[in-house]
Protein backbone atom coordinates (compact mmCIF):
# COMPACT_ATOMS: atom_id res chain seq x y z
CA MET A 1 -12.28 111.19 -18.89
CA ARG A 2 -8.55 111.34 -19.47
CA LEU A 3 -6.22 113.52 -18.53
CA ASP A 4 -5.75 114.79 -21.46
CA THR A 5 -9.26 114.73 -23.42
CA ALA A 6 -9.79 117.36 -20.10
CA ILE A 7 -7.50 119.55 -21.40
CA VAL A 8 -8.20 119.79 -24.67
CA GLY A 9 -12.11 119.92 -23.90
CA ALA A 10 -11.21 123.02 -21.32
CA THR A 11 -8.64 124.41 -23.69
CA LYS A 12 -11.92 124.67 -26.31
CA ARG A 13 -13.97 126.29 -24.02
CA LEU A 14 -11.72 128.75 -22.58
CA SER A 15 -10.55 130.05 -25.36
CA PRO A 16 -12.66 132.44 -26.42
CA SER A 17 -12.27 134.16 -23.25
CA SER A 18 -8.46 133.39 -22.12
CA ASP A 19 -5.48 134.87 -23.77
CA SER A 20 -3.58 131.28 -22.95
CA PRO A 21 -6.08 128.81 -22.96
CA ARG A 22 -4.21 125.72 -22.65
CA LEU A 23 -1.80 126.66 -20.21
CA ASP A 24 -4.89 127.35 -18.00
CA ALA A 25 -6.48 124.28 -18.65
CA GLU A 26 -3.48 122.67 -17.92
CA ILE A 27 -3.33 124.32 -14.41
CA LEU A 28 -6.12 124.39 -13.89
CA LEU A 29 -6.66 120.33 -14.52
CA CYS A 30 -3.32 120.15 -12.41
CA LYS A 31 -4.91 121.73 -9.36
CA SER A 32 -7.65 119.93 -9.31
CA ILE A 33 -5.53 116.90 -9.01
CA ASP A 34 -2.95 118.57 -7.02
CA MET A 35 -0.46 117.39 -9.32
CA PRO A 36 2.30 119.32 -11.14
CA ARG A 37 2.19 120.14 -14.83
CA SER A 38 4.99 117.34 -15.53
CA TYR A 39 2.68 114.65 -13.81
CA VAL A 40 0.26 115.81 -16.70
CA PHE A 41 2.97 115.92 -19.88
CA ALA A 42 4.15 111.81 -18.51
CA HIS A 43 0.24 110.50 -17.87
CA PRO A 44 -2.17 111.58 -19.91
CA GLU A 45 -3.75 108.87 -20.08
CA ASP A 46 -4.81 108.63 -16.67
CA GLU A 47 -8.75 109.01 -15.72
CA VAL A 48 -9.77 111.59 -13.59
CA ASP A 49 -12.57 110.32 -11.02
CA PRO A 50 -15.97 111.94 -11.93
CA LEU A 51 -15.55 114.04 -8.27
CA THR A 52 -12.50 115.62 -9.58
CA LEU A 53 -13.26 116.16 -12.93
CA ARG A 54 -17.14 118.27 -11.09
CA TYR A 55 -14.09 120.45 -8.87
CA PHE A 56 -12.09 120.67 -12.35
CA GLU A 57 -15.66 122.05 -14.32
CA THR A 58 -16.03 124.35 -10.76
CA LEU A 59 -13.08 125.91 -12.04
CA VAL A 60 -12.81 126.12 -14.90
CA ALA A 61 -16.37 128.21 -14.63
CA ARG A 62 -14.77 130.43 -12.66
CA ARG A 63 -12.17 131.31 -15.44
CA LEU A 64 -14.56 131.37 -18.04
CA ASP A 65 -16.86 134.09 -15.42
CA GLY A 66 -13.18 136.40 -16.04
CA GLU A 67 -12.28 135.02 -12.34
CA PRO A 68 -7.85 136.05 -12.91
CA MET A 69 -6.11 132.68 -13.32
CA ALA A 70 -3.97 134.06 -9.60
CA TYR A 71 -7.63 134.43 -7.62
CA ILE A 72 -8.60 130.46 -8.36
CA ILE A 73 -5.27 129.33 -7.81
CA GLY A 74 -4.12 131.37 -4.65
CA MET A 75 -0.48 131.74 -6.47
CA ARG A 76 1.53 134.72 -8.35
CA GLU A 77 5.18 134.77 -9.42
CA PHE A 78 6.32 138.01 -8.17
CA TRP A 79 10.72 138.80 -8.40
CA SER A 80 10.83 134.67 -8.56
CA GLN A 81 9.10 134.44 -5.66
CA GLU A 82 5.72 132.67 -5.76
CA LEU A 83 3.21 134.31 -3.84
CA MET A 84 -0.02 134.21 -1.77
CA VAL A 85 -2.95 136.26 -3.28
CA SER A 86 -6.43 136.19 -2.46
CA PRO A 87 -9.21 139.08 -3.59
CA ALA A 88 -8.57 140.86 -0.83
CA THR A 89 -4.91 141.91 -2.26
CA LEU A 90 -3.62 143.35 -5.48
CA ILE A 91 -2.40 140.56 -8.25
CA PRO A 92 1.37 141.63 -8.29
CA ARG A 93 1.78 142.95 -11.93
CA PRO A 94 5.64 142.94 -13.74
CA GLU A 95 5.60 146.40 -13.64
CA THR A 96 5.49 147.01 -10.19
CA GLU A 97 8.91 145.05 -10.45
CA LEU A 98 10.48 148.32 -11.46
CA VAL A 99 9.81 149.63 -7.79
CA VAL A 100 12.01 146.49 -6.74
CA ASP A 101 14.49 147.67 -9.04
CA LEU A 102 14.88 151.62 -8.21
CA ALA A 103 14.80 150.56 -4.91
CA LEU A 104 17.17 148.26 -4.96
CA ARG A 105 19.84 150.57 -6.51
CA GLU A 106 18.95 153.22 -3.23
CA ILE A 107 20.38 150.55 -0.95
CA PRO A 108 23.93 149.63 -0.43
CA ARG A 109 24.20 145.78 -0.61
CA LYS A 110 25.71 145.38 2.71
CA ALA A 111 23.51 147.98 4.17
CA ALA A 112 21.62 147.98 7.48
CA CYS A 113 18.98 150.30 6.15
CA GLN A 114 15.37 150.61 6.77
CA ILE A 115 12.65 150.32 4.41
CA LEU A 116 8.63 151.18 4.38
CA ASP A 117 6.14 149.76 2.15
CA LEU A 118 3.33 151.60 2.13
CA GLY A 119 -0.18 149.86 1.23
CA THR A 120 1.84 146.05 0.96
CA GLY A 121 -0.83 144.30 -0.04
CA SER A 122 0.21 140.32 -0.69
CA GLY A 123 3.97 141.63 0.24
CA ALA A 124 5.45 141.71 -2.64
CA ILE A 125 7.39 144.77 -2.83
CA ALA A 126 8.17 144.14 0.29
CA ILE A 127 9.14 140.29 -0.29
CA ALA A 128 11.17 141.26 -3.14
CA ILE A 129 13.55 143.86 -1.51
CA ALA A 130 14.50 141.19 1.72
CA VAL A 131 15.06 138.57 0.26
CA GLU A 132 17.40 140.79 -1.89
CA ARG A 133 18.90 143.11 1.58
CA PRO A 134 18.50 140.20 4.38
CA LEU A 135 20.61 142.96 6.57
CA CYS A 136 17.90 145.69 5.91
CA GLY A 137 14.88 145.87 8.31
CA ILE A 138 11.46 145.82 6.40
CA THR A 139 8.40 147.20 7.24
CA ALA A 140 5.33 146.64 5.26
CA THR A 141 1.81 148.20 6.29
CA ASP A 142 -1.99 147.99 4.96
CA PHE A 143 -4.91 149.38 6.46
CA SER A 144 -6.69 145.85 5.20
CA VAL A 145 -6.81 143.29 7.76
CA ALA A 146 -7.00 140.19 4.97
CA ALA A 147 -4.99 141.86 2.61
CA LEU A 148 -1.75 142.54 5.84
CA ALA A 149 -2.78 138.25 6.53
CA ILE A 150 -1.79 137.58 3.35
CA ALA A 151 1.07 139.81 3.58
CA ALA A 152 3.02 138.32 7.31
CA GLU A 153 1.99 134.40 5.64
CA ASN A 154 3.77 135.82 2.05
CA VAL A 155 6.66 136.25 5.11
CA ARG A 156 6.07 133.14 7.25
CA GLN A 157 6.46 130.75 3.98
CA ILE A 158 9.52 132.54 2.38
CA ASN A 159 10.97 132.54 5.93
CA LEU A 160 12.17 136.58 6.19
CA PRO A 161 12.57 137.58 9.73
CA ASN A 162 13.79 141.12 8.36
CA VAL A 163 10.19 141.76 7.67
CA THR A 164 7.19 143.13 10.28
CA CYS A 165 4.07 144.04 9.19
CA ILE A 166 1.54 146.64 10.85
CA GLU A 167 -2.05 147.63 10.36
CA GLY A 168 -2.44 151.45 9.84
CA ASN A 169 -3.48 154.14 6.90
CA TRP A 170 -0.37 154.71 5.17
CA THR A 171 1.74 156.38 7.88
CA ALA A 172 -0.09 156.89 10.82
CA PRO A 173 1.11 153.50 11.88
CA VAL A 174 4.98 154.56 11.63
CA ALA A 175 4.60 158.16 12.56
CA ASP A 176 7.22 158.10 15.26
CA GLN A 177 9.67 156.10 12.93
CA ARG A 178 12.36 157.31 10.10
CA PHE A 179 13.44 155.11 7.27
CA ASP A 180 15.94 155.35 4.47
CA VAL A 181 13.66 154.01 1.26
CA ILE A 182 9.85 154.43 1.31
CA VAL A 183 8.05 152.62 -1.30
CA SER A 184 4.21 152.33 -1.87
CA ASN A 185 1.89 151.12 -4.66
CA PRO A 186 -1.18 153.00 -3.97
CA PRO A 187 -4.33 153.01 -5.53
CA TYR A 188 -4.15 155.79 -8.21
CA VAL A 189 -7.88 155.28 -10.80
CA ASN A 190 -10.56 157.32 -10.96
CA ASP A 191 -13.71 155.95 -9.51
CA ASP A 192 -15.20 156.62 -12.34
CA ASP A 193 -12.33 154.28 -14.85
CA ALA A 194 -14.24 151.80 -16.94
CA ALA A 195 -10.93 149.78 -16.45
CA LEU A 196 -12.52 148.93 -12.70
CA LEU A 197 -15.28 146.45 -14.88
CA THR A 198 -12.65 144.42 -16.19
CA LEU A 199 -10.88 144.14 -12.49
CA ARG A 200 -13.98 143.89 -10.86
CA TYR A 201 -12.49 141.11 -8.58
CA GLU A 202 -9.16 142.31 -7.55
CA PRO A 203 -10.58 144.61 -4.37
CA ARG A 204 -11.52 148.28 -5.73
CA ALA A 205 -9.78 149.64 -2.53
CA ALA A 206 -6.71 148.72 -3.75
CA LEU A 207 -7.36 150.26 -7.27
CA ALA A 208 -9.49 153.63 -7.17
CA ALA A 209 -8.49 157.16 -5.45
CA GLY A 210 -11.31 159.18 -6.25
CA GLY A 211 -12.34 161.64 -8.62
CA ASP A 212 -8.80 162.01 -10.78
CA GLY A 213 -7.07 159.05 -8.99
CA LEU A 214 -4.47 161.20 -6.34
CA ASP A 215 -6.14 160.99 -3.49
CA ASP A 216 -3.73 158.87 -2.12
CA LEU A 217 -0.82 159.79 -4.23
CA ARG A 218 -1.43 163.21 -2.61
CA ILE A 219 -1.65 162.15 0.72
CA LEU A 220 2.30 159.99 0.42
CA ALA A 221 3.60 163.10 -0.89
CA SER A 222 2.34 165.42 1.84
CA ASP A 223 3.71 162.88 4.16
CA CYS A 224 6.51 161.02 3.44
CA ALA A 225 8.80 163.59 4.45
CA ALA A 226 8.05 163.29 7.48
CA ILE A 227 9.47 159.88 8.17
CA LEU A 228 12.27 159.86 5.68
CA THR A 229 15.96 160.00 7.32
CA LYS A 230 18.48 162.47 5.65
CA ASP A 231 19.20 161.56 2.18
CA GLY A 232 16.47 159.21 1.92
CA CYS A 233 14.09 158.41 -0.79
CA LEU A 234 10.45 157.95 -1.81
CA ILE A 235 9.32 155.51 -4.48
CA LEU A 236 6.11 155.63 -6.27
CA GLU A 237 4.42 153.60 -8.50
CA HIS A 238 1.43 155.86 -10.15
CA GLY A 239 -0.53 155.31 -13.74
CA ALA A 240 1.27 156.02 -17.17
CA GLU A 241 -0.72 159.21 -17.98
CA GLN A 242 0.29 160.51 -14.17
CA GLN A 243 3.91 161.19 -14.54
CA GLN A 244 3.26 165.37 -15.35
CA VAL A 245 0.53 165.56 -12.41
CA VAL A 246 2.91 163.24 -9.64
CA THR A 247 5.52 165.17 -10.43
CA ALA A 248 3.41 168.01 -9.63
CA LEU A 249 2.66 167.61 -6.50
CA LEU A 250 5.70 166.34 -5.21
CA GLU A 251 7.51 169.85 -6.48
CA ALA A 252 4.11 171.33 -4.40
CA ALA A 253 5.20 169.18 -1.84
CA ASP A 254 8.76 170.26 -1.54
CA TRP A 255 10.43 167.13 -2.98
CA VAL A 256 13.58 167.59 -4.99
CA ASP A 257 15.28 165.77 -7.42
CA ILE A 258 12.53 164.03 -9.06
CA ALA A 259 12.98 161.62 -11.95
CA CYS A 260 10.23 159.52 -13.49
CA HIS A 261 11.10 156.36 -14.99
CA ASN A 262 9.76 154.10 -17.84
CA ASP A 263 8.70 150.42 -17.52
CA LEU A 264 9.45 147.44 -19.95
CA ALA A 265 6.55 148.36 -21.90
CA GLY A 266 8.03 152.23 -22.19
CA LYS A 267 5.63 153.53 -20.22
CA PRO A 268 6.46 156.23 -17.57
CA ARG A 269 5.02 154.24 -14.39
CA VAL A 270 7.81 155.30 -11.54
CA THR A 271 8.94 158.26 -9.74
CA VAL A 272 11.35 158.84 -7.66
CA ALA A 273 11.23 162.07 -5.49
CA ARG A 274 14.13 163.23 -2.18
CA HIS A 275 12.41 165.60 -0.11
CA ASN A 276 13.69 169.38 0.04
CA GLY A 277 17.74 168.77 -0.67
CA LYS A 278 17.58 166.16 2.09
C-alpha cells in the first residue's frame, strides 16, 4: 500500500473520533515508518511493507479507542520543548504554561533563586523554568516513581544540570529546605466528575483529589509556607470554577497578596499568593 493511500484510509476511519484526523493519520504513519512528516509529503508513492502496515493499524486502533496521541507517540510539546510522556504522567496542557509565565515574572533573569515544582509529573513546569532561568536551582518532586523517571529522563535529554528530581509526597522530601518560588499543578478534579471518563488514559492519582477536588490544594495551602523564603511566592493551578474556594483556602492559612490569573481562554486558572506578608 502506498503512503498516501494509507493516510487517506486512516483519515476516513479517524474522522468520527478525532478533531484532526488527517494530522493524526500522518503522525501515526510517520511513527510507523520512523520518518519525519516531510518524508511522507515528498514520497507519497512509497510502498508500506506488510509488517509496518500492521504496526500502523495497531496505532490507528489505539487512537480509535480514544487513547491520546501524546501517549501513542510518547511525546508532547510544552514551552517549545519536546517532552517524553507516558500513562504514568499527565499530558502537559497549554493552560499550564501560565504557571511558567507567572513564575518567570517572579524570578529575575540573573537571579540564582531556588524553585520548587511539587507534583512534577513529566517535569514540564520545572524544565520550562530551568531553560529560561539557567542560574536557578530547580527541585522537582513527585510521589510516583514512574512519573519521576519520565521527568528525570526529560531533564537528561534536554541536558539541564540545574534540575534535581526527588521522590516524595508534596513538601515532605524537602521539609528542611527553603525556596523562593513554589509552583504546582496538583490534582483538582472531583472524584465523581464525569470528566474523568474522558481522561481515562491519564493517571487518576494526578487528576482526582477527593469529593470536592480540593484535598491536595488544602495540603499545599497548609504546608508550603514553612518552606518559603521571605518575599517568596506560591503559584497554584486549579480548576476554572475553583477561584473563590482556592482564595478562601489560602486566606484561612494566612496567605496574603492573593491574585488569580486567567488563562488564554479567559478562565481563572492560576492563583499566586504570599504568606503572612512575606
